């Protein structure tokens, strides 16, 4: 497998909007080529007897069932609010406006 050139690394850095020094480019070129070398070694393995998989561990649902239940009374909720107006909690605006 052909390795990455300095020009390849500079191009990837440009696409990622990274401003790298010469030292960083040299180090990154070596690190990326090492990763590609390791991938090439893995690609040599015979995986014909291994079924394709998207998940390597069993997945189980750890969430509880969604069961409707009584909620808190409005008065109890409003007691915890810093500022209220009628049956509503007043919060500062998040898009413009005065706080």
PDB file of N, CA and C in Angstrom:
ATOM      1  N   UNK A   1       0.846  -1.173   0.000  1.00  0.00           N
ATOM      2  CA  UNK A   1       0.000   0.000   0.000  1.00  0.00           C
ATOM      3  C   UNK A   1       0.893   1.236   0.000  1.00  0.00           C
ATOM      4  N   UNK A   2       0.598   2.146  -0.909  1.00  0.00           N
ATOM      5  CA  UNK A   2       1.394   3.372  -0.999  1.00  0.00           C
ATOM      6  C   UNK A   2       1.112   4.259   0.203  1.00  0.00           C
ATOM      7  N   UNK A   3       2.157   4.883   0.706  1.00  0.00           N
ATOM      8  CA  UNK A   3       1.996   5.751   1.866  1.00  0.00           C
ATOM      9  C   UNK A   3       1.553   7.145   1.464  1.00  0.00           C
ATOM     10  N   UNK A   4       1.208   7.906   2.474  1.00  0.00           N
ATOM     11  CA  UNK A   4       0.817   9.297   2.252  1.00  0.00           C
ATOM     12  C   UNK A   4       2.065  10.159   2.102  1.00  0.00           C
ATOM     13  N   UNK A   5       1.998  11.107   1.206  1.00  0.00           N
ATOM     14  CA  UNK A   5       3.105  12.044   1.027  1.00  0.00           C
ATOM     15  C   UNK A   5       2.864  13.288   1.883  1.00  0.00           C
ATOM     16  N   UNK A   6       3.855  14.100   1.986  1.00  0.00           N
ATOM     17  CA  UNK A   6       3.729  15.360   2.716  1.00  0.00           C
ATOM     18  C   UNK A   6       2.608  16.200   2.096  1.00  0.00           C
ATOM     19  N   UNK A   7       2.527  16.165   0.778  1.00  0.00           N
ATOM     20  CA  UNK A   7       1.487  16.908   0.071  1.00  0.00           C
ATOM     21  C   UNK A   7       0.094  16.400   0.445  1.00  0.00           C
ATOM     22  N   UNK A   8      -0.053  15.074   0.592  1.00  0.00           N
ATOM     23  CA  UNK A   8      -1.341  14.502   1.008  1.00  0.00           C
ATOM     24  C   UNK A   8      -1.735  15.008   2.392  1.00  0.00           C
ATOM     25  N   UNK A   9      -0.777  15.005   3.299  1.00  0.00           N
ATOM     26  CA  UNK A   9      -1.039  15.442   4.675  1.00  0.00           C
ATOM     27  C   UNK A   9      -1.393  16.926   4.702  1.00  0.00           C
ATOM     28  N   UNK A  10      -0.689  17.723   3.922  1.00  0.00           N
ATOM     29  CA  UNK A  10      -1.000  19.159   3.847  1.00  0.00           C
ATOM     30  C   UNK A  10      -2.412  19.371   3.311  1.00  0.00           C
ATOM     31  N   UNK A  11      -2.800  18.571   2.314  1.00  0.00           N
ATOM     32  CA  UNK A  11      -4.138  18.704   1.732  1.00  0.00           C
ATOM     33  C   UNK A  11      -5.222  18.346   2.755  1.00  0.00           C
ATOM     34  N   UNK A  12      -5.017  17.263   3.484  1.00  0.00           N
ATOM     35  CA  UNK A  12      -5.985  16.859   4.511  1.00  0.00           C
ATOM     36  C   UNK A  12      -6.066  17.923   5.601  1.00  0.00           C
ATOM     37  N   UNK A  13      -4.939  18.455   6.004  1.00  0.00           N
ATOM     38  CA  UNK A  13      -4.924  19.519   7.015  1.00  0.00           C
ATOM     39  C   UNK A  13      -5.673  20.747   6.502  1.00  0.00           C
ATOM     40  N   UNK A  14      -5.492  21.069   5.234  1.00  0.00           N
ATOM     41  CA  UNK A  14      -6.208  22.209   4.643  1.00  0.00           C
ATOM     42  C   UNK A  14      -7.715  21.964   4.661  1.00  0.00           C
ATOM     43  N   UNK A  15      -8.139  20.754   4.270  1.00  0.00           N
ATOM     44  CA  UNK A  15      -9.567  20.428   4.262  1.00  0.00           C
ATOM     45  C   UNK A  15     -10.168  20.485   5.662  1.00  0.00           C
ATOM     46  N   UNK A  16      -9.373  20.096   6.660  1.00  0.00           N
ATOM     47  CA  UNK A  16      -9.842  20.113   8.047  1.00  0.00           C
ATOM     48  C   UNK A  16      -9.651  21.491   8.687  1.00  0.00           C
ATOM     49  N   UNK A  17      -9.174  22.428   7.924  1.00  0.00           N
ATOM     50  CA  UNK A  17      -8.937  23.795   8.405  1.00  0.00           C
ATOM     51  C   UNK A  17      -7.966  23.812   9.586  1.00  0.00           C
ATOM     52  N   UNK A  18      -6.918  22.987   9.466  1.00  0.00           N
ATOM     53  CA  UNK A  18      -5.885  22.943  10.505  1.00  0.00           C
ATOM     54  C   UNK A  18      -4.662  23.707  10.019  1.00  0.00           C
ATOM     55  N   UNK A  19      -4.172  24.578  10.827  1.00  0.00           N
ATOM     56  CA  UNK A  19      -2.940  25.296  10.507  1.00  0.00           C
ATOM     57  C   UNK A  19      -1.827  24.593  11.275  1.00  0.00           C
ATOM     58  N   UNK A  20      -1.047  23.775  10.574  1.00  0.00           N
ATOM     59  CA  UNK A  20      -0.020  22.968  11.218  1.00  0.00           C
ATOM     60  C   UNK A  20       1.365  23.504  10.896  1.00  0.00           C
ATOM     61  N   UNK A  21       2.263  23.376  11.859  1.00  0.00           N
ATOM     62  CA  UNK A  21       3.658  23.765  11.638  1.00  0.00           C
ATOM     63  C   UNK A  21       4.347  22.664  10.843  1.00  0.00           C
ATOM     64  N   UNK A  22       5.561  22.953  10.364  1.00  0.00           N
ATOM     65  CA  UNK A  22       6.330  21.938   9.638  1.00  0.00           C
ATOM     66  C   UNK A  22       6.582  20.711  10.506  1.00  0.00           C
ATOM     67  N   UNK A  23       6.884  20.936  11.795  1.00  0.00           N
ATOM     68  CA  UNK A  23       7.122  19.812  12.708  1.00  0.00           C
ATOM     69  C   UNK A  23       5.872  18.951  12.851  1.00  0.00           C
ATOM     70  N   UNK A  24       4.717  19.602  12.977  1.00  0.00           N
ATOM     71  CA  UNK A  24       3.460  18.856  13.119  1.00  0.00           C
ATOM     72  C   UNK A  24       3.135  18.074  11.855  1.00  0.00           C
ATOM     73  N   UNK A  25       3.405  18.656  10.697  1.00  0.00           N
ATOM     74  CA  UNK A  25       3.157  17.952   9.441  1.00  0.00           C
ATOM     75  C   UNK A  25       4.035  16.712   9.315  1.00  0.00           C
ATOM     76  N   UNK A  26       5.294  16.836   9.695  1.00  0.00           N
ATOM     77  CA  UNK A  26       6.211  15.692   9.644  1.00  0.00           C
ATOM     78  C   UNK A  26       5.732  14.599  10.594  1.00  0.00           C
ATOM     79  N   UNK A  27       5.379  14.990  11.834  1.00  0.00           N
ATOM     80  CA  UNK A  27       4.911  14.013  12.823  1.00  0.00           C
ATOM     81  C   UNK A  27       3.618  13.351  12.363  1.00  0.00           C
ATOM     82  N   UNK A  28       2.677  14.142  11.837  1.00  0.00           N
ATOM     83  CA  UNK A  28       1.405  13.606  11.393  1.00  0.00           C
ATOM     84  C   UNK A  28       1.577  12.676  10.194  1.00  0.00           C
ATOM     85  N   UNK A  29       2.483  13.016   9.290  1.00  0.00           N
ATOM     86  CA  UNK A  29       2.754  12.139   8.143  1.00  0.00           C
ATOM     87  C   UNK A  29       3.220  10.773   8.623  1.00  0.00           C
ATOM     88  N   UNK A  30       4.126  10.757   9.596  1.00  0.00           N
ATOM     89  CA  UNK A  30       4.612   9.485  10.139  1.00  0.00           C
ATOM     90  C   UNK A  30       3.515   8.707  10.842  1.00  0.00           C
ATOM     91  N   UNK A  31       2.711   9.400  11.650  1.00  0.00           N
ATOM     92  CA  UNK A  31       1.635   8.734  12.385  1.00  0.00           C
ATOM     93  C   UNK A  31       0.576   8.162  11.446  1.00  0.00           C
ATOM     94  N   UNK A  32       0.177   8.928  10.436  1.00  0.00           N
ATOM     95  CA  UNK A  32      -0.834   8.438   9.491  1.00  0.00           C
ATOM     96  C   UNK A  32      -0.308   7.260   8.675  1.00  0.00           C
ATOM     97  N   UNK A  33       0.945   7.316   8.261  1.00  0.00           N
ATOM     98  CA  UNK A  33       1.512   6.196   7.518  1.00  0.00           C
ATOM     99  C   UNK A  33       1.627   4.953   8.390  1.00  0.00           C
ATOM    100  N   UNK A  34       1.915   5.136   9.681  1.00  0.00           N
ATOM    101  CA  UNK A  34       1.955   3.999  10.604  1.00  0.00           C
ATOM    102  C   UNK A  34       0.572   3.351  10.712  1.00  0.00           C
ATOM    103  N   UNK A  35      -0.470   4.171  10.815  1.00  0.00           N
ATOM    104  CA  UNK A  35      -1.840   3.655  10.875  1.00  0.00           C
ATOM    105  C   UNK A  35      -2.164   2.877   9.606  1.00  0.00           C
ATOM    106  N   UNK A  36      -1.802   3.424   8.459  1.00  0.00           N
ATOM    107  CA  UNK A  36      -2.065   2.730   7.195  1.00  0.00           C
ATOM    108  C   UNK A  36      -1.294   1.415   7.111  1.00  0.00           C
ATOM    109  N   UNK A  37      -0.066   1.396   7.608  1.00  0.00           N
ATOM    110  CA  UNK A  37       0.719   0.145   7.635  1.00  0.00           C
ATOM    111  C   UNK A  37       0.035  -0.908   8.501  1.00  0.00           C
ATOM    112  N   UNK A  38      -0.469  -0.497   9.658  1.00  0.00           N
ATOM    113  CA  UNK A  38      -1.156  -1.444  10.543  1.00  0.00           C
ATOM    114  C   UNK A  38      -2.432  -1.968   9.891  1.00  0.00           C
ATOM    115  N   UNK A  39      -3.142  -1.120   9.198  1.00  0.00           N
ATOM    116  CA  UNK A  39      -4.353  -1.542   8.492  1.00  0.00           C
ATOM    117  C   UNK A  39      -3.994  -2.550   7.400  1.00  0.00           C
ATOM    118  N   UNK A  40      -2.891  -2.325   6.700  1.00  0.00           N
ATOM    119  CA  UNK A  40      -2.463  -3.255   5.648  1.00  0.00           C
ATOM    120  C   UNK A  40      -2.172  -4.630   6.239  1.00  0.00           C
ATOM    121  N   UNK A  41      -1.573  -4.663   7.445  1.00  0.00           N
ATOM    122  CA  UNK A  41      -1.312  -5.949   8.101  1.00  0.00           C
ATOM    123  C   UNK A  41      -2.618  -6.654   8.438  1.00  0.00           C
ATOM    124  N   UNK A  42      -3.596  -5.903   8.931  1.00  0.00           N
ATOM    125  CA  UNK A  42      -4.896  -6.498   9.252  1.00  0.00           C
ATOM    126  C   UNK A  42      -5.591  -7.009   7.995  1.00  0.00           C
ATOM    127  N   UNK A  43      -5.424  -6.323   6.891  1.00  0.00           N
ATOM    128  CA  UNK A  43      -6.067  -6.719   5.642  1.00  0.00           C
ATOM    129  C   UNK A  43      -5.523  -8.045   5.123  1.00  0.00           C
ATOM    130  N   UNK A  44      -4.345  -8.461   5.598  1.00  0.00           N
ATOM    131  CA  UNK A  44      -3.759  -9.740   5.175  1.00  0.00           C
ATOM    132  C   UNK A  44      -4.423 -10.936   5.852  1.00  0.00           C
ATOM    133  N   UNK A  45      -5.166 -10.712   6.931  1.00  0.00           N
ATOM    134  CA  UNK A  45      -5.795 -11.805   7.667  1.00  0.00           C
ATOM    135  C   UNK A  45      -6.919 -12.450   6.862  1.00  0.00           C
ATOM    136  N   UNK A  46      -7.052 -13.785   7.006  1.00  0.00           N
ATOM    137  CA  UNK A  46      -8.144 -14.502   6.353  1.00  0.00           C
ATOM    138  C   UNK A  46      -9.386 -14.373   7.230  1.00  0.00           C
ATOM    139  N   UNK A  47     -10.363 -13.637   6.746  1.00  0.00           N
ATOM    140  CA  UNK A  47     -11.597 -13.423   7.504  1.00  0.00           C
ATOM    141  C   UNK A  47     -12.787 -14.093   6.828  1.00  0.00           C
ATOM    142  N   UNK A  48     -12.528 -15.021   5.917  1.00  0.00           N
ATOM    143  CA  UNK A  48     -13.621 -15.651   5.171  1.00  0.00           C
ATOM    144  C   UNK A  48     -14.560 -16.458   6.068  1.00  0.00           C
ATOM    145  N   UNK A  49     -14.068 -16.951   7.199  1.00  0.00           N
ATOM    146  CA  UNK A  49     -14.907 -17.751   8.095  1.00  0.00           C
ATOM    147  C   UNK A  49     -15.607 -16.905   9.157  1.00  0.00           C
ATOM    148  N   UNK A  50     -15.402 -15.616   9.127  1.00  0.00           N
ATOM    149  CA  UNK A  50     -15.993 -14.731  10.134  1.00  0.00           C
ATOM    150  C   UNK A  50     -17.185 -14.018   9.503  1.00  0.00           C
ATOM    151  N   UNK A  51     -18.369 -14.196  10.084  1.00  0.00           N
ATOM    152  CA  UNK A  51     -19.547 -13.547   9.496  1.00  0.00           C
ATOM    153  C   UNK A  51     -19.488 -12.031   9.685  1.00  0.00           C
ATOM    154  N   UNK A  52     -20.025 -11.297   8.721  1.00  0.00           N
ATOM    155  CA  UNK A  52     -20.047  -9.831   8.852  1.00  0.00           C
ATOM    156  C   UNK A  52     -20.865  -9.420  10.070  1.00  0.00           C
ATOM    157  N   UNK A  53     -20.435  -8.359  10.721  1.00  0.00           N
ATOM    158  CA  UNK A  53     -21.159  -7.865  11.885  1.00  0.00           C
ATOM    159  C   UNK A  53     -21.016  -6.355  11.980  1.00  0.00           C
ATOM    160  N   UNK A  54     -22.033  -5.719  12.496  1.00  0.00           N
ATOM    161  CA  UNK A  54     -21.963  -4.279  12.710  1.00  0.00           C
ATOM    162  C   UNK A  54     -21.775  -3.976  14.188  1.00  0.00           C
ATOM    163  N   UNK A  55     -21.958  -4.979  15.039  1.00  0.00           N
ATOM    164  CA  UNK A  55     -21.865  -4.794  16.478  1.00  0.00           C
ATOM    165  C   UNK A  55     -21.064  -5.946  17.065  1.00  0.00           C
ATOM    166  N   UNK A  56     -20.064  -5.633  17.881  1.00  0.00           N
ATOM    167  CA  UNK A  56     -19.201  -6.685  18.416  1.00  0.00           C
ATOM    168  C   UNK A  56     -19.629  -7.192  19.787  1.00  0.00           C
ATOM    169  N   UNK A  57     -20.510  -6.473  20.446  1.00  0.00           N
ATOM    170  CA  UNK A  57     -21.015  -6.925  21.739  1.00  0.00           C
ATOM    171  C   UNK A  57     -22.533  -6.955  21.697  1.00  0.00           C
ATOM    172  N   UNK A  58     -23.115  -7.729  22.573  1.00  0.00           N
ATOM    173  CA  UNK A  58     -24.563  -7.803  22.634  1.00  0.00           C
ATOM    174  C   UNK A  58     -25.135  -6.481  23.114  1.00  0.00           C
ATOM    175  N   UNK A  59     -26.256  -6.121  22.528  1.00  0.00           N
ATOM    176  CA  UNK A  59     -26.916  -4.891  22.925  1.00  0.00           C
ATOM    177  C   UNK A  59     -28.211  -5.251  23.629  1.00  0.00           C
ATOM    178  N   UNK A  60     -28.451  -4.604  24.742  1.00  0.00           N
ATOM    179  CA  UNK A  60     -29.717  -4.824  25.426  1.00  0.00           C
ATOM    180  C   UNK A  60     -30.293  -3.474  25.821  1.00  0.00           C
ATOM    181  N   UNK A  61     -31.581  -3.399  25.832  1.00  0.00           N
ATOM    182  CA  UNK A  61     -32.248  -2.173  26.193  1.00  0.00           C
ATOM    183  C   UNK A  61     -32.188  -2.009  27.710  1.00  0.00           C
ATOM    184  N   UNK A  62     -31.579  -0.926  28.161  1.00  0.00           N
ATOM    185  CA  UNK A  62     -31.461  -0.698  29.604  1.00  0.00           C
ATOM    186  C   UNK A  62     -32.470   0.335  30.082  1.00  0.00           C
ATOM    187  N   UNK A  63     -33.348   0.750  29.177  1.00  0.00           N
ATOM    188  CA  UNK A  63     -34.335   1.752  29.550  1.00  0.00           C
ATOM    189  C   UNK A  63     -35.570   1.089  30.121  1.00  0.00           C
ATOM    190  N   UNK A  64     -36.239   1.759  31.018  1.00  0.00           N
ATOM    191  CA  UNK A  64     -37.466   1.229  31.583  1.00  0.00           C
ATOM    192  C   UNK A  64     -38.604   1.440  30.605  1.00  0.00           C
ATOM    193  N   UNK A  65     -39.677   0.745  30.805  1.00  0.00           N
ATOM    194  CA  UNK A  65     -40.865   0.927  29.994  1.00  0.00           C
ATOM    195  C   UNK A  65     -41.418   2.330  30.212  1.00  0.00           C
ATOM    196  N   UNK A  66     -41.976   2.917  29.188  1.00  0.00           N
ATOM    197  CA  UNK A  66     -42.579   4.244  29.283  1.00  0.00           C
ATOM    198  C   UNK A  66     -44.012   4.067  29.767  1.00  0.00           C
ATOM    199  N   UNK A  67     -44.221   4.344  31.038  1.00  0.00           N
ATOM    200  CA  UNK A  67     -45.539   4.152  31.649  1.00  0.00           C
ATOM    201  C   UNK A  67     -46.070   5.511  32.094  1.00  0.00           C
ATOM    202  N   UNK A  68     -47.286   5.816  31.694  1.00  0.00           N
ATOM    203  CA  UNK A  68     -47.895   7.079  32.094  1.00  0.00           C
ATOM    204  C   UNK A  68     -48.164   7.057  33.599  1.00  0.00           C
ATOM    205  N   UNK A  69     -47.857   8.164  34.261  1.00  0.00           N
ATOM    206  CA  UNK A  69     -48.080   8.272  35.695  1.00  0.00           C
ATOM    207  C   UNK A  69     -48.503   9.712  35.992  1.00  0.00           C
ATOM    208  N   UNK A  70     -49.041   9.905  37.145  1.00  0.00           N
ATOM    209  CA  UNK A  70     -49.461  11.249  37.551  1.00  0.00           C
ATOM    210  C   UNK A  70     -48.236  12.144  37.672  1.00  0.00           C
ATOM    211  N   UNK A  71     -48.356  13.390  37.235  1.00  0.00           N
ATOM    212  CA  UNK A  71     -47.243  14.327  37.353  1.00  0.00           C
ATOM    213  C   UNK A  71     -47.432  15.173  38.605  1.00  0.00           C
ATOM    214  N   UNK A  72     -46.455  16.009  38.860  1.00  0.00           N
ATOM    215  CA  UNK A  72     -46.529  16.878  40.023  1.00  0.00           C
ATOM    216  C   UNK A  72     -47.633  17.913  39.834  1.00  0.00           C
ATOM    217  N   UNK A  73     -48.233  18.367  40.900  1.00  0.00           N
ATOM    218  CA  UNK A  73     -49.197  19.462  40.780  1.00  0.00           C
ATOM    219  C   UNK A  73     -48.490  20.729  40.311  1.00  0.00           C
ATOM    220  N   UNK A  74     -49.194  21.560  39.559  1.00  0.00           N
ATOM    221  CA  UNK A  74     -48.611  22.793  39.028  1.00  0.00           C
ATOM    222  C   UNK A  74     -48.022  23.641  40.144  1.00  0.00           C
ATOM    223  N   UNK A  75     -48.716  23.757  41.261  1.00  0.00           N
ATOM    224  CA  UNK A  75     -48.233  24.584  42.370  1.00  0.00           C
ATOM    225  C   UNK A  75     -46.877  24.100  42.873  1.00  0.00           C
ATOM    226  N   UNK A  76     -46.685  22.783  42.946  1.00  0.00           N
ATOM    227  CA  UNK A  76     -45.413  22.228  43.433  1.00  0.00           C
ATOM    228  C   UNK A  76     -44.276  22.549  42.466  1.00  0.00           C
ATOM    229  N   UNK A  77     -44.561  22.500  41.191  1.00  0.00           N
ATOM    230  CA  UNK A  77     -43.534  22.812  40.195  1.00  0.00           C
ATOM    231  C   UNK A  77     -43.185  24.292  40.252  1.00  0.00           C
ATOM    232  N   UNK A  78     -44.199  25.131  40.308  1.00  0.00           N
ATOM    233  CA  UNK A  78     -43.962  26.573  40.305  1.00  0.00           C
ATOM    234  C   UNK A  78     -43.226  27.058  41.550  1.00  0.00           C
ATOM    235  N   UNK A  79     -43.347  26.340  42.664  1.00  0.00           N
ATOM    236  CA  UNK A  79     -42.620  26.722  43.887  1.00  0.00           C
ATOM    237  C   UNK A  79     -41.110  26.641  43.683  1.00  0.00           C
ATOM    238  N   UNK A  80     -40.660  25.814  42.738  1.00  0.00           N
ATOM    239  CA  UNK A  80     -39.226  25.662  42.489  1.00  0.00           C
ATOM    240  C   UNK A  80     -38.683  26.687  41.492  1.00  0.00           C
ATOM    241  N   UNK A  81     -39.559  27.424  40.848  1.00  0.00           N
ATOM    242  CA  UNK A  81     -39.137  28.386  39.826  1.00  0.00           C
ATOM    243  C   UNK A  81     -38.711  29.703  40.461  1.00  0.00           C
ATOM    244  N   UNK A  82     -37.715  30.323  39.887  1.00  0.00           N
ATOM    245  CA  UNK A  82     -37.233  31.616  40.379  1.00  0.00           C
ATOM    246  C   UNK A  82     -38.248  32.716  40.080  1.00  0.00           C
ATOM    247  N   UNK A  83     -38.862  32.658  38.877  1.00  0.00           N
ATOM    248  CA  UNK A  83     -39.801  33.692  38.472  1.00  0.00           C
ATOM    249  C   UNK A  83     -40.962  33.033  37.727  1.00  0.00           C
ATOM    250  N   UNK A  84     -42.183  33.401  38.093  1.00  0.00           N
ATOM    251  CA  UNK A  84     -43.363  32.820  37.438  1.00  0.00           C
ATOM    252  C   UNK A  84     -44.298  33.934  36.982  1.00  0.00           C
ATOM    253  N   UNK A  85     -45.169  33.555  36.079  1.00  0.00           N
ATOM    254  CA  UNK A  85     -46.213  34.455  35.612  1.00  0.00           C
ATOM    255  C   UNK A  85     -47.438  33.589  35.340  1.00  0.00           C
ATOM    256  N   UNK A  86     -48.434  33.682  36.185  1.00  0.00           N
ATOM    257  CA  UNK A  86     -49.590  32.794  36.069  1.00  0.00           C
ATOM    258  C   UNK A  86     -49.151  31.364  36.322  1.00  0.00           C
ATOM    259  N   UNK A  87     -49.510  30.468  35.438  1.00  0.00           N
ATOM    260  CA  UNK A  87     -49.109  29.061  35.566  1.00  0.00           C
ATOM    261  C   UNK A  87     -47.853  28.742  34.749  1.00  0.00           C
ATOM    262  N   UNK A  88     -47.017  29.755  34.465  1.00  0.00           N
ATOM    263  CA  UNK A  88     -45.840  29.559  33.626  1.00  0.00           C
ATOM    264  C   UNK A  88     -44.572  29.941  34.371  1.00  0.00           C
ATOM    265  N   UNK A  89     -43.459  29.306  33.995  1.00  0.00           N
ATOM    266  CA  UNK A  89     -42.142  29.651  34.509  1.00  0.00           C
ATOM    267  C   UNK A  89     -41.534  30.646  33.535  1.00  0.00           C
ATOM    268  N   UNK A  90     -41.039  31.770  34.032  1.00  0.00           N
ATOM    269  CA  UNK A  90     -40.428  32.795  33.196  1.00  0.00           C
ATOM    270  C   UNK A  90     -38.922  32.531  33.152  1.00  0.00           C
ATOM    271  N   UNK A  91     -38.389  32.472  31.924  1.00  0.00           N
ATOM    272  CA  UNK A  91     -36.955  32.245  31.726  1.00  0.00           C
ATOM    273  C   UNK A  91     -36.400  33.365  30.862  1.00  0.00           C
ATOM    274  N   UNK A  92     -35.102  33.646  30.945  1.00  0.00           N
ATOM    275  CA  UNK A  92     -34.517  34.690  30.110  1.00  0.00           C
ATOM    276  C   UNK A  92     -34.583  34.299  28.641  1.00  0.00           C
ATOM    277  N   UNK A  93     -34.681  35.267  27.738  1.00  0.00           N
ATOM    278  CA  UNK A  93     -34.682  34.950  26.313  1.00  0.00           C
ATOM    279  C   UNK A  93     -33.331  34.390  25.890  1.00  0.00           C
ATOM    280  N   UNK A  94     -33.342  33.471  24.924  1.00  0.00           N
ATOM    281  CA  UNK A  94     -32.075  32.904  24.463  1.00  0.00           C
ATOM    282  C   UNK A  94     -31.678  33.423  23.089  1.00  0.00           C
ATOM    283  N   UNK A  95     -32.610  34.036  22.371  1.00  0.00           N
ATOM    284  CA  UNK A  95     -32.311  34.574  21.042  1.00  0.00           C
ATOM    285  C   UNK A  95     -32.575  36.070  21.042  1.00  0.00           C
ATOM    286  N   UNK A  96     -31.551  36.845  21.313  1.00  0.00           N
ATOM    287  CA  UNK A  96     -31.704  38.292  21.301  1.00  0.00           C
ATOM    288  C   UNK A  96     -32.558  38.773  22.453  1.00  0.00           C
ATOM    289  N   UNK A  97     -32.999  39.997  22.368  1.00  0.00           N
ATOM    290  CA  UNK A  97     -33.850  40.548  23.414  1.00  0.00           C
ATOM    291  C   UNK A  97     -33.065  40.911  24.649  1.00  0.00           C
ATOM    292  N   UNK A  98     -33.714  41.556  25.557  1.00  0.00           N
ATOM    293  CA  UNK A  98     -33.088  41.957  26.818  1.00  0.00           C
ATOM    294  C   UNK A  98     -33.263  40.872  27.848  1.00  0.00           C
ATOM    295  N   UNK A  99     -32.259  40.679  28.659  1.00  0.00           N
ATOM    296  CA  UNK A  99     -32.327  39.635  29.688  1.00  0.00           C
ATOM    297  C   UNK A  99     -33.041  40.133  30.926  1.00  0.00           C
TER     298      UNK A  99
END
